[in-house]
C-alpha atoms as a PDB file:
ATOM      1  CA  MET A   1     -11.156  43.391   7.531  1.00  0.00           C
ATOM      2  CA  ASN A   2     -13.930  44.864   5.829  1.00  0.00           C
ATOM      3  CA  ILE A   3     -17.256  42.606   4.491  1.00  0.00           C
ATOM      4  CA  ASP A   4     -15.347  42.216   1.432  1.00  0.00           C
ATOM      5  CA  GLN A   5     -12.539  41.032   2.196  1.00  0.00           C
ATOM      6  CA  LYS A   6     -14.496  38.555   4.806  1.00  0.00           C
ATOM      7  CA  LEU A   7     -16.578  37.009   2.005  1.00  0.00           C
ATOM      8  CA  GLU A   8     -13.604  36.556  -0.396  1.00  0.00           C
ATOM      9  CA  LEU A   9     -11.836  34.886   2.656  1.00  0.00           C
ATOM     10  CA  ILE A  10     -14.672  32.756   3.037  1.00  0.00           C
ATOM     11  CA  LYS A  11     -15.043  32.374  -0.282  1.00  0.00           C
ATOM     12  CA  ARG A  12     -11.667  30.669  -1.384  1.00  0.00           C
ATOM     13  CA  ASN A  13     -11.264  27.522  -2.342  1.00  0.00           C
ATOM     14  CA  THR A  14     -15.116  26.744  -1.702  1.00  0.00           C
ATOM     15  CA  GLN A  15     -17.028  24.714  -4.385  1.00  0.00           C
ATOM     16  CA  GLU A  16     -20.246  26.291  -3.742  1.00  0.00           C
ATOM     17  CA  ILE A  17     -22.338  28.225  -1.472  1.00  0.00           C
ATOM     18  CA  ILE A  18     -25.943  28.512  -0.697  1.00  0.00           C
ATOM     19  CA  THR A  19     -26.245  31.259  -1.111  1.00  0.00           C
ATOM     20  CA  GLU A  20     -23.701  33.874  -1.528  1.00  0.00           C
ATOM     21  CA  GLU A  21     -25.921  36.741  -1.287  1.00  0.00           C
ATOM     22  CA  GLU A  22     -27.235  35.372   2.004  1.00  0.00           C
ATOM     23  CA  LEU A  23     -23.571  35.030   3.554  1.00  0.00           C
ATOM     24  CA  LYS A  24     -23.271  38.912   2.368  1.00  0.00           C
ATOM     25  CA  THR A  25     -26.249  40.135   4.059  1.00  0.00           C
ATOM     26  CA  LEU A  26     -24.794  37.772   7.048  1.00  0.00           C
ATOM     27  CA  LEU A  27     -21.482  39.252   7.220  1.00  0.00           C
ATOM     28  CA  THR A  28     -23.321  42.839   6.829  1.00  0.00           C
ATOM     29  CA  LYS A  29     -26.507  42.380   9.790  1.00  0.00           C
ATOM     30  CA  LYS A  30     -23.956  39.942  12.198  1.00  0.00           C
ATOM     31  CA  LYS A  31     -20.801  41.424  14.105  1.00  0.00           C
ATOM     32  CA  THR A  32     -19.813  37.737  15.024  1.00  0.00           C
ATOM     33  CA  PRO A  33     -21.852  34.815  12.962  1.00  0.00           C
ATOM     34  CA  VAL A  34     -21.446  31.500  14.209  1.00  0.00           C
ATOM     35  CA  VAL A  35     -20.324  28.470  12.005  1.00  0.00           C
ATOM     36  CA  TYR A  36     -20.136  24.764  12.497  1.00  0.00           C
ATOM     37  CA  ILE A  37     -18.768  21.753  10.988  1.00  0.00           C
ATOM     38  CA  GLY A  38     -20.109  18.210  12.161  1.00  0.00           C
ATOM     39  CA  THR A  39     -17.903  15.112  11.947  1.00  0.00           C
ATOM     40  CA  ALA A  40     -19.319  11.548  12.953  1.00  0.00           C
ATOM     41  CA  VAL A  41     -16.748   9.689  14.644  1.00  0.00           C
ATOM     42  CA  THR A  42     -16.311   6.668  12.093  1.00  0.00           C
ATOM     43  CA  GLY A  43     -13.094   5.665  10.981  1.00  0.00           C
ATOM     44  CA  ARG A  44      -9.426   7.504  11.538  1.00  0.00           C
ATOM     45  CA  PRO A  45      -9.450  11.140  10.288  1.00  0.00           C
ATOM     46  CA  HIS A  46      -6.786  11.539   7.922  1.00  0.00           C
ATOM     47  CA  ILE A  47      -5.219  14.026   6.040  1.00  0.00           C
ATOM     48  CA  GLY A  48      -8.094  15.436   4.151  1.00  0.00           C
ATOM     49  CA  TYR A  49      -9.008  16.759   7.055  1.00  0.00           C
ATOM     50  CA  PHE A  50      -6.825  19.725   7.248  1.00  0.00           C
ATOM     51  CA  VAL A  51      -8.764  21.264   3.911  1.00  0.00           C
ATOM     52  CA  TRP A  52     -11.898  22.029   6.175  1.00  0.00           C
ATOM     53  CA  ALA A  53      -9.444  22.794   9.495  1.00  0.00           C
ATOM     54  CA  ILE A  54      -8.002  25.589   7.140  1.00  0.00           C
ATOM     55  CA  LYS A  55     -11.196  26.596   5.967  1.00  0.00           C
ATOM     56  CA  ILE A  56     -12.905  26.879   9.525  1.00  0.00           C
ATOM     57  CA  ALA A  57      -9.337  29.247  10.030  1.00  0.00           C
ATOM     58  CA  ASP A  58     -10.614  31.217   7.216  1.00  0.00           C
ATOM     59  CA  PHE A  59     -14.249  31.643   9.264  1.00  0.00           C
ATOM     60  CA  ILE A  60     -12.560  32.698  12.695  1.00  0.00           C
ATOM     61  CA  LYS A  61      -9.625  35.065  10.694  1.00  0.00           C
ATOM     62  CA  ALA A  62     -13.289  36.300   9.434  1.00  0.00           C
ATOM     63  CA  GLY A  63     -14.824  37.088  12.763  1.00  0.00           C
ATOM     64  CA  PHE A  64     -16.673  33.789  13.023  1.00  0.00           C
ATOM     65  CA  LYS A  65     -17.080  32.005  16.280  1.00  0.00           C
ATOM     66  CA  ALA A  66     -16.725  28.278  15.104  1.00  0.00           C
ATOM     67  CA  LYS A  67     -17.945  24.751  16.394  1.00  0.00           C
ATOM     68  CA  ILE A  68     -16.878  21.714  15.908  1.00  0.00           C
ATOM     69  CA  LEU A  69     -19.361  18.998  16.643  1.00  0.00           C
ATOM     70  CA  LEU A  70     -18.339  15.464  17.241  1.00  0.00           C
ATOM     71  CA  ALA A  71     -20.943  13.480  16.591  1.00  0.00           C
ATOM     72  CA  ASP A  72     -20.965  10.335  18.591  1.00  0.00           C
ATOM     73  CA  ILE A  73     -24.265   9.526  18.304  1.00  0.00           C
ATOM     74  CA  HIS A  74     -24.159  10.255  14.179  1.00  0.00           C
ATOM     75  CA  GLY A  75     -20.636   7.890  14.328  1.00  0.00           C
ATOM     76  CA  ALA A  76     -23.749   4.817  15.640  1.00  0.00           C
ATOM     77  CA  LEU A  77     -25.875   5.730  12.874  1.00  0.00           C
ATOM     78  CA  ASP A  78     -23.604   5.085  10.072  1.00  0.00           C
ATOM     79  CA  ASN A  79     -22.067   1.392  11.655  1.00  0.00           C
ATOM     80  CA  THR A  80     -19.782   2.618  14.506  1.00  0.00           C
ATOM     81  CA  PRO A  81     -20.389  -0.102  16.881  1.00  0.00           C
ATOM     82  CA  TRP A  82     -21.674   1.429  20.407  1.00  0.00           C
ATOM     83  CA  PRO A  83     -19.848  -0.290  22.969  1.00  0.00           C
ATOM     84  CA  LEU A  84     -16.728   1.993  21.098  1.00  0.00           C
ATOM     85  CA  LEU A  85     -17.822   5.776  20.987  1.00  0.00           C
ATOM     86  CA  GLU A  86     -16.949   7.443  23.693  1.00  0.00           C
ATOM     87  CA  LYS A  87     -13.255   6.207  23.062  1.00  0.00           C
ATOM     88  CA  ARG A  88     -13.917   6.946  19.193  1.00  0.00           C
ATOM     89  CA  TYR A  89     -15.187  10.725  20.617  1.00  0.00           C
ATOM     90  CA  GLU A  90     -11.990  10.820  22.851  1.00  0.00           C
ATOM     91  CA  TYR A  91      -9.846   9.710  19.588  1.00  0.00           C
ATOM     92  CA  TYR A  92     -11.098  12.804  17.955  1.00  0.00           C
ATOM     93  CA  GLU A  93     -11.255  15.445  20.124  1.00  0.00           C
ATOM     94  CA  ASN A  94      -7.318  15.161  20.730  1.00  0.00           C
ATOM     95  CA  VAL A  95      -6.875  14.500  16.674  1.00  0.00           C
ATOM     96  CA  ILE A  96      -8.718  16.986  15.677  1.00  0.00           C
ATOM     97  CA  THR A  97      -7.286  19.341  18.572  1.00  0.00           C
ATOM     98  CA  GLY A  98      -3.916  18.371  17.076  1.00  0.00           C
ATOM     99  CA  LEU A  99      -5.057  19.805  13.499  1.00  0.00           C
ATOM    100  CA  PHE A 100      -6.146  22.983  14.444  1.00  0.00           C
ATOM    101  CA  GLU A 101      -2.338  23.236  16.232  1.00  0.00           C
ATOM    102  CA  ALA A 102      -0.637  22.027  13.585  1.00  0.00           C
ATOM    103  CA  ILE A 103      -2.429  24.797  11.132  1.00  0.00           C
ATOM    104  CA  GLY A 104      -1.584  27.456  13.853  1.00  0.00           C
ATOM    105  CA  SER A 105      -5.597  28.174  14.483  1.00  0.00           C
ATOM    106  CA  ASP A 106      -6.731  30.224  17.210  1.00  0.00           C
ATOM    107  CA  LEU A 107      -8.417  27.499  19.481  1.00  0.00           C
ATOM    108  CA  SER A 108      -9.489  29.924  21.904  1.00  0.00           C
ATOM    109  CA  LYS A 109     -12.449  31.036  19.203  1.00  0.00           C
ATOM    110  CA  LEU A 110     -13.044  27.125  19.050  1.00  0.00           C
ATOM    111  CA  THR A 111     -16.009  24.913  20.648  1.00  0.00           C
ATOM    112  CA  PHE A 112     -15.894  21.188  20.655  1.00  0.00           C
ATOM    113  CA  VAL A 113     -19.544  20.088  21.073  1.00  0.00           C
ATOM    114  CA  LYS A 114     -20.750  16.391  21.827  1.00  0.00           C
ATOM    115  CA  GLY A 115     -23.403  15.592  19.815  1.00  0.00           C
ATOM    116  CA  SER A 116     -24.938  13.528  22.538  1.00  0.00           C
ATOM    117  CA  ASP A 117     -25.066  16.218  25.098  1.00  0.00           C
ATOM    118  CA  PHE A 118     -28.006  17.914  23.340  1.00  0.00           C
ATOM    119  CA  GLN A 119     -29.308  15.303  21.087  1.00  0.00           C
ATOM    120  CA  LEU A 120     -30.582  12.970  23.595  1.00  0.00           C
ATOM    121  CA  LYS A 121     -32.920  15.917  25.013  1.00  0.00           C
ATOM    122  CA  LYS A 122     -36.412  15.886  25.024  1.00  0.00           C
ATOM    123  CA  ASP A 123     -36.886  18.925  22.908  1.00  0.00           C
ATOM    124  CA  TYR A 124     -34.405  17.571  20.523  1.00  0.00           C
ATOM    125  CA  VAL A 125     -35.759  13.991  19.834  1.00  0.00           C
ATOM    126  CA  PHE A 126     -39.417  15.817  19.578  1.00  0.00           C
ATOM    127  CA  ASP A 127     -38.296  17.844  16.335  1.00  0.00           C
ATOM    128  CA  VAL A 128     -36.697  14.479  15.323  1.00  0.00           C
ATOM    129  CA  LEU A 129     -39.988  12.833  15.169  1.00  0.00           C
ATOM    130  CA  LYS A 130     -41.764  16.075  14.069  1.00  0.00           C
ATOM    131  CA  VAL A 131     -39.647  16.369  10.978  1.00  0.00           C
ATOM    132  CA  ALA A 132     -40.016  12.619  10.092  1.00  0.00           C
ATOM    133  CA  THR A 133     -43.765  13.240   9.998  1.00  0.00           C
ATOM    134  CA  PHE A 134     -42.623  16.098   6.950  1.00  0.00           C
ATOM    135  CA  VAL A 135     -40.317  14.232   4.676  1.00  0.00           C
ATOM    136  CA  THR A 136     -40.235  10.630   3.163  1.00  0.00           C
ATOM    137  CA  VAL A 137     -38.070   7.373   3.482  1.00  0.00           C
ATOM    138  CA  HIS A 138     -36.872   8.745   0.135  1.00  0.00           C
ATOM    139  CA  ASP A 139     -35.814  11.611   0.945  1.00  0.00           C
ATOM    140  CA  CYS A 140     -33.827  10.466   3.312  1.00  0.00           C
ATOM    141  CA  LEU A 141     -32.333   8.319   1.687  1.00  0.00           C
ATOM    142  CA  LYS A 142     -31.769  10.172  -1.237  1.00  0.00           C
ATOM    143  CA  SER A 143     -30.254  12.725   0.960  1.00  0.00           C
ATOM    144  CA  SER A 144     -27.542  10.714   3.071  1.00  0.00           C
ATOM    145  CA  SER A 145     -26.859   8.662   0.360  1.00  0.00           C
ATOM    146  CA  ASP A 146     -23.633  10.458   0.093  1.00  0.00           C
ATOM    147  CA  VAL A 147     -22.374  10.616   3.124  1.00  0.00           C
ATOM    148  CA  VAL A 148     -23.827   6.702   5.294  1.00  0.00           C
ATOM    149  CA  LYS A 149     -23.058   3.380   4.323  1.00  0.00           C
ATOM    150  CA  HIS A 150     -26.447   2.393   3.163  1.00  0.00           C
ATOM    151  CA  GLY A 151     -25.829  -1.061   1.285  1.00  0.00           C
ATOM    152  CA  ASP A 152     -28.471  -3.388  -0.468  1.00  0.00           C
ATOM    153  CA  ASN A 153     -31.001  -2.824   2.759  1.00  0.00           C
ATOM    154  CA  PRO A 154     -30.967   0.198   4.385  1.00  0.00           C
ATOM    155  CA  LYS A 155     -30.866   0.355   8.001  1.00  0.00           C
ATOM    156  CA  LEU A 156     -33.555   2.820   9.439  1.00  0.00           C
ATOM    157  CA  ALA A 157     -30.655   4.712  11.680  1.00  0.00           C
ATOM    158  CA  GLY A 158     -29.270   6.221   8.538  1.00  0.00           C
ATOM    159  CA  LEU A 159     -32.157   7.331   7.644  1.00  0.00           C
ATOM    160  CA  ILE A 160     -32.682   9.183  10.819  1.00  0.00           C
ATOM    161  CA  TYR A 161     -29.019  10.684   9.955  1.00  0.00           C
ATOM    162  CA  PRO A 162     -29.773  13.620   7.842  1.00  0.00           C
ATOM    163  CA  ILE A 163     -33.037  14.865   9.960  1.00  0.00           C
ATOM    164  CA  MET A 164     -30.588  14.853  12.972  1.00  0.00           C
ATOM    165  CA  GLN A 165     -28.062  17.015  10.812  1.00  0.00           C
ATOM    166  CA  ALA A 166     -30.519  19.051   9.722  1.00  0.00           C
ATOM    167  CA  LEU A 167     -31.771  20.431  13.484  1.00  0.00           C
ATOM    168  CA  ASP A 168     -28.276  20.485  14.721  1.00  0.00           C
ATOM    169  CA  GLU A 169     -28.080  23.638  13.000  1.00  0.00           C
ATOM    170  CA  GLU A 170     -30.795  25.019  14.967  1.00  0.00           C
ATOM    171  CA  TYR A 171     -29.639  23.201  18.199  1.00  0.00           C
ATOM    172  CA  LEU A 172     -26.121  24.908  18.021  1.00  0.00           C
ATOM    173  CA  GLY A 173     -27.649  27.707  17.168  1.00  0.00           C
ATOM    174  CA  VAL A 174     -25.177  28.701  14.157  1.00  0.00           C
ATOM    175  CA  ASP A 175     -25.362  30.810  11.005  1.00  0.00           C
ATOM    176  CA  ILE A 176     -24.005  28.582   8.391  1.00  0.00           C
ATOM    177  CA  GLN A 177     -23.002  24.916   8.624  1.00  0.00           C
ATOM    178  CA  TYR A 178     -19.820  24.243   6.190  1.00  0.00           C
ATOM    179  CA  GLY A 179     -18.862  20.424   5.022  1.00  0.00           C
ATOM    180  CA  GLY A 180     -17.818  19.039   1.624  1.00  0.00           C
ATOM    181  CA  VAL A 181     -19.226  19.170  -0.967  1.00  0.00           C
ATOM    182  CA  ASP A 182     -20.818  15.304  -0.586  1.00  0.00           C
ATOM    183  CA  GLN A 183     -22.975  16.771   1.690  1.00  0.00           C
ATOM    184  CA  ARG A 184     -24.606  18.667  -0.458  1.00  0.00           C
ATOM    185  CA  LYS A 185     -27.312  16.335  -0.540  1.00  0.00           C
ATOM    186  CA  ILE A 186     -28.049  16.626   3.357  1.00  0.00           C
ATOM    187  CA  LEU A 187     -27.825  20.598   3.614  1.00  0.00           C
ATOM    188  CA  VAL A 188     -29.891  21.002   0.981  1.00  0.00           C
ATOM    189  CA  PHE A 189     -32.266  19.016   2.759  1.00  0.00           C
ATOM    190  CA  ALA A 190     -31.592  21.414   6.094  1.00  0.00           C
ATOM    191  CA  ARG A 191     -32.852  24.155   4.345  1.00  0.00           C
ATOM    192  CA  GLU A 192     -35.945  22.701   2.977  1.00  0.00           C
ATOM    193  CA  ASN A 193     -36.812  20.958   6.123  1.00  0.00           C
ATOM    194  CA  LEU A 194     -36.068  23.605   8.981  1.00  0.00           C
ATOM    195  CA  PRO A 195     -38.494  26.099   7.463  1.00  0.00           C
ATOM    196  CA  LYS A 196     -41.186  22.779   8.048  1.00  0.00           C
ATOM    197  CA  VAL A 197     -40.881  23.163  11.637  1.00  0.00           C
ATOM    198  CA  GLY A 198     -40.669  26.523  12.334  1.00  0.00           C
ATOM    199  CA  TYR A 199     -36.852  27.286  11.889  1.00  0.00           C
ATOM    200  CA  LYS A 200     -34.644  29.932   9.662  1.00  0.00           C
ATOM    201  CA  SER A 201     -32.969  27.703   6.964  1.00  0.00           C
ATOM    202  CA  ARG A 202     -29.190  28.642   7.188  1.00  0.00           C
ATOM    203  CA  VAL A 203     -26.079  29.447   4.899  1.00  0.00           C
ATOM    204  CA  GLU A 204     -24.280  26.197   3.327  1.00  0.00           C
ATOM    205  CA  VAL A 205     -20.633  26.746   2.593  1.00  0.00           C
ATOM    206  CA  MET A 206     -18.803  23.509   0.766  1.00  0.00           C
ATOM    207  CA  THR A 207     -15.597  22.755  -0.280  1.00  0.00           C
ATOM    208  CA  PRO A 208     -14.064  20.178  -2.654  1.00  0.00           C
ATOM    209  CA  LEU A 209     -13.228  17.031  -1.883  1.00  0.00           C
ATOM    210  CA  ILE A 210      -9.825  15.452  -1.477  1.00  0.00           C
ATOM    211  CA  PRO A 211      -9.080  12.518  -4.366  1.00  0.00           C
ATOM    212  CA  GLY A 212      -7.123   9.717  -2.829  1.00  0.00           C
ATOM    213  CA  LEU A 213      -4.033   8.265  -3.535  1.00  0.00           C
ATOM    214  CA  THR A 214      -5.281   5.542  -5.703  1.00  0.00           C
ATOM    215  CA  PRO A 215      -7.120   5.756  -8.627  1.00  0.00           C
ATOM    216  CA  GLY A 216     -10.330   6.697  -8.634  1.00  0.00           C
ATOM    217  CA  GLY A 217     -12.684   8.267  -6.018  1.00  0.00           C
ATOM    218  CA  LYS A 218     -12.427  10.692  -2.886  1.00  0.00           C
ATOM    219  CA  MET A 219      -9.598  10.030  -0.070  1.00  0.00           C
ATOM    220  CA  SER A 220     -11.471   8.049   2.347  1.00  0.00           C
ATOM    221  CA  SER A 221     -11.340   6.392   6.239  1.00  0.00           C
ATOM    222  CA  SER A 222     -12.722   3.378   4.438  1.00  0.00           C
ATOM    223  CA  ILE A 223     -10.449   3.275   1.668  1.00  0.00           C
ATOM    224  CA  LYS A 224      -7.170   2.099   3.462  1.00  0.00           C
ATOM    225  CA  GLY A 225      -4.731   3.114   0.643  1.00  0.00           C
ATOM    226  CA  SER A 226      -6.487   6.041  -0.360  1.00  0.00           C
ATOM    227  CA  LYS A 227      -5.388   8.134   2.797  1.00  0.00           C
ATOM    228  CA  VAL A 228      -2.803   9.039   4.963  1.00  0.00           C
ATOM    229  CA  ASP A 229      -3.668   8.726   8.656  1.00  0.00           C
ATOM    230  CA  LEU A 230      -3.226  11.785  10.765  1.00  0.00           C
ATOM    231  CA  ILE A 231      -1.049   9.887  13.318  1.00  0.00           C
ATOM    232  CA  ASP A 232       0.977   7.766  11.161  1.00  0.00           C
ATOM    233  CA  LEU A 233       4.431   7.448  11.744  1.00  0.00           C
ATOM    234  CA  PRO A 234       7.055   9.433   9.267  1.00  0.00           C
ATOM    235  CA  GLU A 235       7.982   6.325   7.103  1.00  0.00           C
ATOM    236  CA  GLU A 236       4.414   5.717   6.464  1.00  0.00           C
ATOM    237  CA  VAL A 237       3.776   8.863   5.193  1.00  0.00           C
ATOM    238  CA  LYS A 238       6.747   8.710   3.160  1.00  0.00           C
ATOM    239  CA  ASN A 239       5.857   5.755   1.701  1.00  0.00           C
ATOM    240  CA  LYS A 240       2.185   6.326   1.090  1.00  0.00           C
ATOM    241  CA  ILE A 241       2.508   9.265  -0.866  1.00  0.00           C
ATOM    242  CA  GLY A 242       5.065   7.915  -2.196  1.00  0.00           C
ATOM    243  CA  SER A 243       3.515   5.150  -3.722  1.00  0.00           C
ATOM    244  CA  ALA A 244       0.587   6.997  -4.469  1.00  0.00           C
ATOM    245  CA  HIS A 245      -0.723   7.479  -8.009  1.00  0.00           C
ATOM    246  CA  CYS A 246       0.783  10.532  -9.706  1.00  0.00           C
ATOM    247  CA  GLU A 247       0.338  10.420 -13.212  1.00  0.00           C
ATOM    248  CA  ALA A 248       2.952  12.732 -14.722  1.00  0.00           C
ATOM    249  CA  GLY A 249       1.750  15.331 -16.516  1.00  0.00           C
ATOM    250  CA  VAL A 250      -1.999  14.946 -15.209  1.00  0.00           C
ATOM    251  CA  VAL A 251      -3.626  17.120 -12.507  1.00  0.00           C
ATOM    252  CA  GLU A 252      -7.157  15.344 -12.687  1.00  0.00           C
ATOM    253  CA  GLY A 253      -7.849  12.939  -9.791  1.00  0.00           C
ATOM    254  CA  ASN A 254      -4.054  13.904  -8.650  1.00  0.00           C
ATOM    255  CA  GLY A 255      -4.447  13.323  -4.684  1.00  0.00           C
ATOM    256  CA  VAL A 256      -0.965  14.820  -4.754  1.00  0.00           C
ATOM    257  CA  LEU A 257      -1.461  18.074  -6.777  1.00  0.00           C
ATOM    258  CA  ALA A 258      -5.237  18.522  -4.676  1.00  0.00           C
ATOM    259  CA  PHE A 259      -3.364  18.082  -1.299  1.00  0.00           C
ATOM    260  CA  LEU A 260      -0.562  20.441  -2.510  1.00  0.00           C
ATOM    261  CA  LYS A 261      -3.529  22.926  -4.047  1.00  0.00           C
ATOM    262  CA  TYR A 262      -5.530  23.061  -0.840  1.00  0.00           C
ATOM    263  CA  VAL A 263      -3.343  22.934   2.097  1.00  0.00           C
ATOM    264  CA  VAL A 264       0.351  22.900   1.664  1.00  0.00           C
ATOM    265  CA  MET A 265      -0.003  26.349  -0.617  1.00  0.00           C
ATOM    266  CA  VAL A 266      -2.738  27.563   1.355  1.00  0.00           C
ATOM    267  CA  LEU A 267      -0.594  27.559   4.563  1.00  0.00           C
ATOM    268  CA  LYS A 268       2.739  28.228   2.934  1.00  0.00           C
ATOM    269  CA  GLN A 269       1.076  31.452   0.655  1.00  0.00           C
ATOM    270  CA  ASP A 270      -1.060  32.345   4.407  1.00  0.00           C
ATOM    271  CA  LYS A 271       2.698  32.772   5.597  1.00  0.00           C
ATOM    272  CA  GLY A 272       4.670  34.297   2.879  1.00  0.00           C
ATOM    273  CA  GLU A 273       6.829  30.873   2.490  1.00  0.00           C
ATOM    274  CA  GLU A 274       7.693  28.839  -0.948  1.00  0.00           C
ATOM    275  CA  PHE A 275       7.463  25.489  -1.808  1.00  0.00           C
ATOM    276  CA  LEU A 276      10.660  24.049  -2.055  1.00  0.00           C
ATOM    277  CA  ILE A 277      11.448  20.707  -4.507  1.00  0.00           C
ATOM    278  CA  GLU A 278      15.062  19.476  -3.592  1.00  0.00           C
ATOM    279  CA  ARG A 279      16.708  17.729  -6.220  1.00  0.00           C
ATOM    280  CA  PRO A 280      19.961  17.036  -7.830  1.00  0.00           C
ATOM    281  CA  GLU A 281      21.717  19.649 -10.679  1.00  0.00           C
ATOM    282  CA  LYS A 282      21.332  16.607 -13.191  1.00  0.00           C
ATOM    283  CA  PHE A 283      17.795  16.714 -12.667  1.00  0.00           C
ATOM    284  CA  GLY A 284      17.838  20.831 -12.923  1.00  0.00           C
ATOM    285  CA  GLY A 285      18.760  21.507  -9.238  1.00  0.00           C
ATOM    286  CA  ASN A 286      16.288  22.685  -6.108  1.00  0.00           C
ATOM    287  CA  LYS A 287      13.629  25.304  -7.070  1.00  0.00           C
ATOM    288  CA  ALA A 288      11.127  27.257  -4.847  1.00  0.00           C
ATOM    289  CA  TYR A 289       7.983  27.981  -6.043  1.00  0.00           C
ATOM    290  CA  LYS A 290       5.457  31.051  -4.540  1.00  0.00           C
ATOM    291  CA  THR A 291       2.055  29.701  -5.541  1.00  0.00           C
ATOM    292  CA  TYR A 292       0.483  26.645  -6.617  1.00  0.00           C
ATOM    293  CA  GLU A 293      -0.298  27.755  -9.894  1.00  0.00           C
ATOM    294  CA  GLU A 294       3.396  27.718 -10.738  1.00  0.00           C
ATOM    295  CA  ILE A 295       4.036  24.162  -9.613  1.00  0.00           C
ATOM    296  CA  GLU A 296       0.157  23.119 -11.684  1.00  0.00           C
ATOM    297  CA  LYS A 297       1.999  24.526 -14.589  1.00  0.00           C
ATOM    298  CA  ASP A 298       5.562  22.741 -14.387  1.00  0.00           C
ATOM    299  CA  TYR A 299       3.842  19.721 -13.626  1.00  0.00           C
ATOM    300  CA  LEU A 300       1.654  19.662 -16.683  1.00  0.00           C
ATOM    301  CA  GLU A 301       4.712  20.558 -19.035  1.00  0.00           C
ATOM    302  CA  LYS A 302       6.506  17.685 -16.986  1.00  0.00           C
ATOM    303  CA  LYS A 303       8.970  19.986 -15.614  1.00  0.00           C
ATOM    304  CA  LEU A 304       8.634  18.851 -12.448  1.00  0.00           C
ATOM    305  CA  HIS A 305       8.701  14.519 -11.879  1.00  0.00           C
ATOM    306  CA  PRO A 306       6.143  13.203  -9.898  1.00  0.00           C
ATOM    307  CA  MET A 307       8.873  11.624  -7.751  1.00  0.00           C
ATOM    308  CA  ASP A 308      10.238  14.787  -6.782  1.00  0.00           C
ATOM    309  CA  LEU A 309       6.972  16.290  -6.172  1.00  0.00           C
ATOM    310  CA  LYS A 310       6.210  13.008  -3.749  1.00  0.00           C
ATOM    311  CA  ASN A 311       8.844  13.604  -1.557  1.00  0.00           C
ATOM    312  CA  SER A 312       8.535  17.326  -0.864  1.00  0.00           C
ATOM    313  CA  LEU A 313       5.279  16.898  -0.352  1.00  0.00           C
ATOM    314  CA  ALA A 314       5.727  13.757   1.978  1.00  0.00           C
ATOM    315  CA  LYS A 315       8.607  16.063   4.345  1.00  0.00           C
ATOM    316  CA  GLU A 316       5.719  19.117   4.183  1.00  0.00           C
ATOM    317  CA  THR A 317       3.081  16.669   5.504  1.00  0.00           C
ATOM    318  CA  ASN A 318       5.712  14.893   8.199  1.00  0.00           C
ATOM    319  CA  LYS A 319       5.782  18.377   9.619  1.00  0.00           C
ATOM    320  CA  LEU A 320       1.899  18.855   9.997  1.00  0.00           C
ATOM    321  CA  LEU A 321       1.779  15.533  11.176  1.00  0.00           C
ATOM    322  CA  ASP A 322       4.565  16.037  14.088  1.00  0.00           C
ATOM    323  CA  VAL A 323       2.337  18.465  15.827  1.00  0.00           C
ATOM    324  CA  ILE A 324      -0.557  15.240  15.832  1.00  0.00           C
ATOM    325  CA  ARG A 325       1.506  12.506  16.726  1.00  0.00           C
ATOM    326  CA  LYS A 326       3.207  14.475  19.857  1.00  0.00           C
ATOM    327  CA  ARG A 327      -0.470  14.648  21.298  1.00  0.00           C
ATOM    328  CA  PHE A 328      -0.861  10.700  20.865  1.00  0.00           C
ATOM    329  CA  GLU A 329       2.578   9.879  22.713  1.00  0.00           C
ATOM    330  CA  GLY A 330       1.647   8.058  25.921  1.00  0.00           C
ATOM    331  CA  LYS A 331      -1.950   7.107  24.555  1.00  0.00           C
ATOM    332  CA  GLU A 332      -1.455   3.958  22.611  1.00  0.00           C
ATOM    333  CA  GLN A 333      -4.086   2.516  24.589  1.00  0.00           C
ATOM    334  CA  LEU A 334      -6.366   5.283  23.762  1.00  0.00           C
ATOM    335  CA  ILE A 335      -5.734   4.407  19.917  1.00  0.00           C
ATOM    336  CA  LYS A 336      -6.062   0.311  20.282  1.00  0.00           C
ATOM    337  CA  ASP A 337      -9.603   0.998  22.592  1.00  0.00           C
ATOM    338  CA  ALA A 338     -11.230   3.277  19.621  1.00  0.00           C
ATOM    339  CA  TYR A 339      -9.768   0.977  16.740  1.00  0.00           C
ATOM    340  CA  PRO A 340      -9.332  -2.657  17.865  1.00  0.00           C
ATOM    341  CA  GLU A 341      -8.335  -4.495  15.110  1.00  0.00           C
END
């Protein structure tokens, strides 16, 4: 794979890269760059996580080493109770490993890092305090506003969050930080403030967020009806997708189509497979699609009914989740300990 091919693979389905020119320079100068994504151990991961798992797999195909930061301290800073951190970490490690297994990614090129393993060390804590002398309360509040649940009376913890996320780039030894577009303000915060303490800025890569299954907003762990959990049972998956908001002929804000576009059809096309709509002959019979664009065209023209789309998507989603569910067989107690009712 040449430089241009690597660049195109990394760019596919991204929303923004800061900056593309720096990315190209990195690909030219460094044989094996390093990328990371961090996820705070908060709510139960949902199917929207497939978007970033696929993008990390793209980086690996392009010759990168990848690090997954399971950010337990960040989880506490964003309201995860301290006594639950260890169980939440264990849950995340299992579910995200299953996520990569489900998409067929090369696990040998992935490294999982626990945040508290390096974020409590003397040098790191010293740098947190050092950055804190350069940034304002306004800077930290603004940069974390799309990620941390601040409320009307923000806690100091949420203001520390972006400082730590910026320093993670340095202490993980990475060239790129990758995340959803909701991370943009923190990624820009990192670029602006790391040089103030003598560290280089990194390339920042962002992908779109999957809309929720309920009207308005992103798919979120904190909005129960908006998501499908990665270990939901097959019937739950079918029911949630079946009842999802999916207005006929409307693409914008359609979480069903978005998941199809950024997850299912990416995996299908990479494998040279088609997406099959199964329906009775009186409603047009079965139809196979090679690209997402073909599906969207038929949907916009109302040649594809929302329920036929949902039924087929539920089947494909359950195929992916089967791999993850198997990892949790016999781990029912972990689920209860990590997420007590």
